[in-house]
Amino acid sequence: MAKRGGFPGGMPGNMNNLMKQAQRMQRQMEESQKELETKEFTAKAGGGAVEATVFGNKTLKNIVISPEAVDPDDVEMLQDMIVAAVNEAMKQAEEANGAMLGKMTGGLGGGFPF
């Protein structure tokens, strides 16, 4: 008499365990992602003249500009400092996101032969 469910040759219990682990991993990733979205990353440029803060979801929260950085004769320098600070804060958020995903997957990605 043939068995019902599972894969031919057995292992239905192992498949159930694997599915439970996958579901647990998915829940953990969702929780970590939500936590990361509210985490703040701050970077400075121009020796601290410009400070940018972004959330983990890469949304700009705040820019602080030191009064000494405001030179009406050199607006381009201020613009460059703003871009540098925002880009660095975004990079920090991206690296944290990558680290979180790497931790969750435990290096699973890329090793599959298909």
N, C-alpha and C. Protein backbone atom coordinates (compact mmCIF):
# COMPACT_ATOMS: atom_id res chain seq x y z
N MET A 1 0.85 -1.17 0.00
CA MET A 1 0.00 0.00 0.00
C MET A 1 0.90 1.23 0.00
N ALA A 2 0.59 2.18 -0.84
CA ALA A 2 1.41 3.38 -0.97
C ALA A 2 1.15 4.34 0.18
N LYS A 3 2.21 5.04 0.56
CA LYS A 3 2.07 6.07 1.61
C LYS A 3 1.45 7.32 1.01
N ARG A 4 0.74 8.05 1.83
CA ARG A 4 0.15 9.30 1.37
C ARG A 4 1.02 10.46 1.80
N GLY A 5 1.13 11.46 0.96
CA GLY A 5 1.87 12.68 1.29
C GLY A 5 3.37 12.46 1.22
N GLY A 6 4.09 13.52 1.39
CA GLY A 6 5.55 13.44 1.39
C GLY A 6 6.09 13.19 -0.01
N PHE A 7 7.34 12.81 -0.05
CA PHE A 7 8.00 12.53 -1.31
C PHE A 7 8.17 11.04 -1.45
N PRO A 8 8.24 10.55 -2.67
CA PRO A 8 8.48 9.12 -2.86
C PRO A 8 9.79 8.75 -2.17
N GLY A 9 9.79 7.66 -1.49
CA GLY A 9 11.01 7.24 -0.80
C GLY A 9 11.08 7.73 0.62
N GLY A 10 10.07 8.38 1.12
CA GLY A 10 10.06 8.80 2.52
C GLY A 10 10.47 10.24 2.72
N MET A 11 10.89 10.59 3.94
CA MET A 11 11.35 11.90 4.38
C MET A 11 10.23 12.93 4.59
N PRO A 12 8.97 12.53 4.80
CA PRO A 12 7.96 13.57 5.03
C PRO A 12 8.21 14.35 6.31
N GLY A 13 8.73 13.69 7.34
CA GLY A 13 9.03 14.38 8.60
C GLY A 13 10.12 15.42 8.42
N ASN A 14 11.15 15.08 7.65
CA ASN A 14 12.23 16.02 7.41
C ASN A 14 11.75 17.23 6.61
N MET A 15 10.84 16.99 5.69
CA MET A 15 10.30 18.09 4.88
C MET A 15 9.48 19.02 5.77
N ASN A 16 8.71 18.45 6.70
CA ASN A 16 7.93 19.28 7.62
C ASN A 16 8.85 20.13 8.48
N ASN A 17 9.92 19.54 8.97
CA ASN A 17 10.89 20.30 9.78
C ASN A 17 11.52 21.41 8.96
N LEU A 18 11.85 21.12 7.73
CA LEU A 18 12.44 22.12 6.86
C LEU A 18 11.48 23.28 6.61
N MET A 19 10.21 22.96 6.41
CA MET A 19 9.21 24.01 6.20
C MET A 19 9.04 24.87 7.44
N LYS A 20 9.03 24.23 8.62
CA LYS A 20 8.92 24.98 9.86
C LYS A 20 10.12 25.91 10.05
N GLN A 21 11.30 25.42 9.74
CA GLN A 21 12.51 26.25 9.85
C GLN A 21 12.44 27.43 8.89
N ALA A 22 11.96 27.18 7.68
CA ALA A 22 11.84 28.26 6.68
C ALA A 22 10.85 29.31 7.14
N GLN A 23 9.73 28.87 7.71
CA GLN A 23 8.73 29.82 8.20
C GLN A 23 9.28 30.62 9.37
N ARG A 24 10.02 29.98 10.27
CA ARG A 24 10.62 30.68 11.40
C ARG A 24 11.65 31.70 10.91
N MET A 25 12.43 31.30 9.92
CA MET A 25 13.43 32.21 9.36
C MET A 25 12.76 33.41 8.70
N GLN A 26 11.65 33.18 8.02
CA GLN A 26 10.92 34.27 7.38
C GLN A 26 10.39 35.25 8.42
N ARG A 27 9.83 34.74 9.51
CA ARG A 27 9.33 35.62 10.59
C ARG A 27 10.47 36.43 11.19
N GLN A 28 11.62 35.79 11.41
CA GLN A 28 12.77 36.49 11.98
C GLN A 28 13.26 37.58 11.03
N MET A 29 13.27 37.28 9.74
CA MET A 29 13.70 38.28 8.76
C MET A 29 12.74 39.46 8.74
N GLU A 30 11.44 39.21 8.80
CA GLU A 30 10.45 40.28 8.81
C GLU A 30 10.61 41.16 10.04
N GLU A 31 10.84 40.53 11.20
CA GLU A 31 11.03 41.29 12.44
C GLU A 31 12.31 42.12 12.37
N SER A 32 13.37 41.51 11.86
CA SER A 32 14.64 42.24 11.74
C SER A 32 14.51 43.39 10.77
N GLN A 33 13.79 43.19 9.67
CA GLN A 33 13.60 44.24 8.68
C GLN A 33 12.83 45.41 9.28
N LYS A 34 11.78 45.12 10.05
CA LYS A 34 11.01 46.19 10.69
C LYS A 34 11.89 46.97 11.66
N GLU A 35 12.72 46.25 12.42
CA GLU A 35 13.62 46.90 13.36
C GLU A 35 14.63 47.77 12.63
N LEU A 36 15.16 47.26 11.54
CA LEU A 36 16.15 48.00 10.76
C LEU A 36 15.54 49.26 10.15
N GLU A 37 14.27 49.20 9.74
CA GLU A 37 13.63 50.36 9.11
C GLU A 37 13.57 51.56 10.04
N THR A 38 13.49 51.34 11.33
CA THR A 38 13.40 52.45 12.28
C THR A 38 14.75 52.83 12.87
N LYS A 39 15.78 52.04 12.59
CA LYS A 39 17.12 52.36 13.09
C LYS A 39 17.66 53.56 12.32
N GLU A 40 18.40 54.41 13.03
CA GLU A 40 18.94 55.62 12.41
C GLU A 40 20.44 55.48 12.15
N PHE A 41 20.87 56.03 11.02
CA PHE A 41 22.27 56.05 10.63
C PHE A 41 22.66 57.50 10.36
N THR A 42 23.73 57.95 10.99
CA THR A 42 24.14 59.34 10.88
C THR A 42 25.57 59.40 10.34
N ALA A 43 25.80 60.34 9.44
CA ALA A 43 27.13 60.56 8.88
C ALA A 43 27.37 62.05 8.79
N LYS A 44 28.65 62.41 8.90
CA LYS A 44 29.04 63.82 8.83
C LYS A 44 29.98 64.03 7.65
N ALA A 45 30.01 65.27 7.17
CA ALA A 45 30.92 65.66 6.10
C ALA A 45 31.45 67.05 6.40
N GLY A 46 32.55 67.38 5.76
CA GLY A 46 33.13 68.71 5.96
C GLY A 46 33.58 68.93 7.39
N GLY A 47 34.15 67.89 8.00
CA GLY A 47 34.62 68.02 9.38
C GLY A 47 33.48 68.23 10.37
N GLY A 48 32.31 67.75 10.05
CA GLY A 48 31.16 67.89 10.94
C GLY A 48 30.29 69.08 10.61
N ALA A 49 30.60 69.80 9.54
CA ALA A 49 29.81 70.97 9.17
C ALA A 49 28.41 70.58 8.69
N VAL A 50 28.29 69.38 8.13
CA VAL A 50 27.01 68.88 7.66
C VAL A 50 26.82 67.48 8.23
N GLU A 51 25.63 67.25 8.77
CA GLU A 51 25.30 65.95 9.35
C GLU A 51 23.98 65.48 8.77
N ALA A 52 23.95 64.25 8.24
CA ALA A 52 22.74 63.68 7.67
C ALA A 52 22.36 62.43 8.44
N THR A 53 21.06 62.27 8.68
CA THR A 53 20.54 61.09 9.36
C THR A 53 19.48 60.45 8.48
N VAL A 54 19.63 59.15 8.26
CA VAL A 54 18.65 58.39 7.48
C VAL A 54 18.16 57.21 8.33
N PHE A 55 16.99 56.74 7.98
CA PHE A 55 16.47 55.52 8.59
C PHE A 55 17.00 54.33 7.81
N GLY A 56 16.88 53.15 8.39
CA GLY A 56 17.34 51.93 7.74
C GLY A 56 16.64 51.63 6.43
N ASN A 57 15.46 52.17 6.23
CA ASN A 57 14.76 51.98 4.95
C ASN A 57 15.21 53.02 3.93
N LYS A 58 16.29 53.73 4.25
CA LYS A 58 16.93 54.71 3.38
C LYS A 58 16.07 55.94 3.11
N THR A 59 15.30 56.34 4.11
CA THR A 59 14.53 57.57 4.06
C THR A 59 15.29 58.62 4.84
N LEU A 60 15.49 59.78 4.24
CA LEU A 60 16.20 60.87 4.90
C LEU A 60 15.36 61.40 6.05
N LYS A 61 15.95 61.45 7.24
CA LYS A 61 15.24 61.94 8.42
C LYS A 61 15.57 63.40 8.68
N ASN A 62 16.86 63.73 8.61
CA ASN A 62 17.29 65.05 9.08
C ASN A 62 18.61 65.44 8.45
N ILE A 63 18.77 66.73 8.24
CA ILE A 63 20.06 67.30 7.85
C ILE A 63 20.32 68.47 8.78
N VAL A 64 21.53 68.48 9.37
CA VAL A 64 21.94 69.58 10.24
C VAL A 64 23.13 70.26 9.56
N ILE A 65 23.01 71.57 9.40
CA ILE A 65 24.07 72.34 8.76
C ILE A 65 24.60 73.36 9.75
N SER A 66 25.89 73.30 9.98
CA SER A 66 26.53 74.26 10.88
C SER A 66 26.50 75.65 10.23
N PRO A 67 26.21 76.69 11.01
CA PRO A 67 26.19 78.04 10.44
C PRO A 67 27.51 78.43 9.76
N GLU A 68 28.60 77.87 10.26
CA GLU A 68 29.90 78.18 9.65
C GLU A 68 30.02 77.62 8.24
N ALA A 69 29.20 76.61 7.91
CA ALA A 69 29.25 75.99 6.58
C ALA A 69 28.52 76.79 5.53
N VAL A 70 27.73 77.78 5.96
CA VAL A 70 26.94 78.56 5.03
C VAL A 70 27.75 79.76 4.57
N ASP A 71 28.26 79.64 3.35
CA ASP A 71 29.03 80.72 2.74
C ASP A 71 28.33 81.06 1.42
N PRO A 72 27.68 82.23 1.36
CA PRO A 72 26.93 82.58 0.14
C PRO A 72 27.80 82.61 -1.11
N ASP A 73 29.11 82.76 -0.92
CA ASP A 73 30.00 82.79 -2.08
C ASP A 73 30.45 81.39 -2.51
N ASP A 74 30.12 80.37 -1.72
CA ASP A 74 30.54 79.01 -2.05
C ASP A 74 29.42 78.00 -1.75
N VAL A 75 28.30 78.18 -2.41
CA VAL A 75 27.16 77.30 -2.23
C VAL A 75 27.48 75.88 -2.70
N GLU A 76 28.30 75.77 -3.73
CA GLU A 76 28.64 74.45 -4.26
C GLU A 76 29.33 73.58 -3.21
N MET A 77 30.16 74.16 -2.39
CA MET A 77 30.85 73.40 -1.34
C MET A 77 29.82 72.83 -0.36
N LEU A 78 28.84 73.63 0.03
CA LEU A 78 27.80 73.18 0.94
C LEU A 78 26.98 72.05 0.29
N GLN A 79 26.66 72.21 -0.97
CA GLN A 79 25.91 71.17 -1.67
C GLN A 79 26.71 69.86 -1.71
N ASP A 80 27.99 69.95 -1.97
CA ASP A 80 28.85 68.76 -2.00
C ASP A 80 28.89 68.08 -0.63
N MET A 81 28.97 68.87 0.43
CA MET A 81 29.01 68.29 1.78
C MET A 81 27.69 67.59 2.11
N ILE A 82 26.58 68.18 1.68
CA ILE A 82 25.27 67.56 1.92
C ILE A 82 25.19 66.22 1.20
N VAL A 83 25.57 66.21 -0.05
CA VAL A 83 25.54 64.97 -0.84
C VAL A 83 26.44 63.91 -0.19
N ALA A 84 27.64 64.31 0.22
CA ALA A 84 28.58 63.36 0.83
C ALA A 84 28.02 62.77 2.13
N ALA A 85 27.44 63.61 2.96
CA ALA A 85 26.88 63.13 4.24
C ALA A 85 25.70 62.20 4.01
N VAL A 86 24.81 62.56 3.09
CA VAL A 86 23.64 61.71 2.81
C VAL A 86 24.10 60.38 2.22
N ASN A 87 25.01 60.42 1.28
CA ASN A 87 25.49 59.18 0.67
C ASN A 87 26.15 58.26 1.69
N GLU A 88 26.92 58.81 2.60
CA GLU A 88 27.59 57.99 3.61
C GLU A 88 26.57 57.38 4.57
N ALA A 89 25.57 58.12 4.97
CA ALA A 89 24.53 57.59 5.85
C ALA A 89 23.73 56.48 5.13
N MET A 90 23.44 56.69 3.85
CA MET A 90 22.75 55.66 3.07
C MET A 90 23.61 54.40 2.96
N LYS A 91 24.90 54.58 2.77
CA LYS A 91 25.82 53.44 2.69
C LYS A 91 25.80 52.65 4.00
N GLN A 92 25.79 53.34 5.12
CA GLN A 92 25.73 52.66 6.42
C GLN A 92 24.44 51.85 6.54
N ALA A 93 23.33 52.43 6.11
CA ALA A 93 22.04 51.72 6.17
C ALA A 93 22.06 50.49 5.27
N GLU A 94 22.64 50.62 4.08
CA GLU A 94 22.72 49.50 3.14
C GLU A 94 23.61 48.39 3.71
N GLU A 95 24.73 48.75 4.31
CA GLU A 95 25.61 47.75 4.90
C GLU A 95 24.93 47.03 6.06
N ALA A 96 24.18 47.75 6.86
CA ALA A 96 23.46 47.12 7.97
C ALA A 96 22.40 46.16 7.44
N ASN A 97 21.74 46.55 6.36
CA ASN A 97 20.74 45.68 5.74
C ASN A 97 21.40 44.41 5.21
N GLY A 98 22.54 44.56 4.54
CA GLY A 98 23.27 43.41 4.03
C GLY A 98 23.76 42.49 5.13
N ALA A 99 24.24 43.09 6.22
CA ALA A 99 24.70 42.29 7.35
C ALA A 99 23.55 41.52 7.98
N MET A 100 22.40 42.16 8.09
CA MET A 100 21.23 41.50 8.66
C MET A 100 20.81 40.32 7.79
N LEU A 101 20.77 40.51 6.48
CA LEU A 101 20.39 39.43 5.58
C LEU A 101 21.41 38.30 5.62
N GLY A 102 22.69 38.64 5.67
CA GLY A 102 23.73 37.63 5.75
C GLY A 102 23.62 36.81 7.01
N LYS A 103 23.32 37.48 8.10
CA LYS A 103 23.17 36.79 9.38
C LYS A 103 21.97 35.85 9.35
N MET A 104 20.89 36.31 8.74
CA MET A 104 19.67 35.51 8.70
C MET A 104 19.81 34.29 7.81
N THR A 105 20.47 34.45 6.67
CA THR A 105 20.58 33.34 5.74
C THR A 105 21.76 32.43 6.06
N GLY A 106 22.67 32.89 6.90
CA GLY A 106 23.79 32.05 7.29
C GLY A 106 24.66 31.64 6.14
N GLY A 107 24.77 32.50 5.14
CA GLY A 107 25.63 32.18 4.00
C GLY A 107 25.01 31.20 3.03
N LEU A 108 23.68 31.05 3.04
CA LEU A 108 23.03 30.10 2.13
C LEU A 108 23.10 30.53 0.68
N GLY A 109 23.07 31.80 0.42
CA GLY A 109 23.00 32.29 -0.95
C GLY A 109 24.25 31.99 -1.75
N GLY A 110 24.07 31.74 -3.03
CA GLY A 110 25.18 31.60 -3.94
C GLY A 110 25.78 30.21 -4.02
N GLY A 111 25.49 29.33 -3.11
CA GLY A 111 26.11 28.02 -3.11
C GLY A 111 25.30 26.95 -3.83
N PHE A 112 24.18 27.33 -4.41
CA PHE A 112 23.33 26.34 -5.06
C PHE A 112 23.79 26.11 -6.49
N PRO A 113 23.76 24.87 -6.96
CA PRO A 113 24.26 24.57 -8.31
C PRO A 113 23.29 24.91 -9.42
N PHE A 114 22.16 25.48 -9.15
CA PHE A 114 21.20 25.79 -10.21
C PHE A 114 21.02 27.26 -10.39
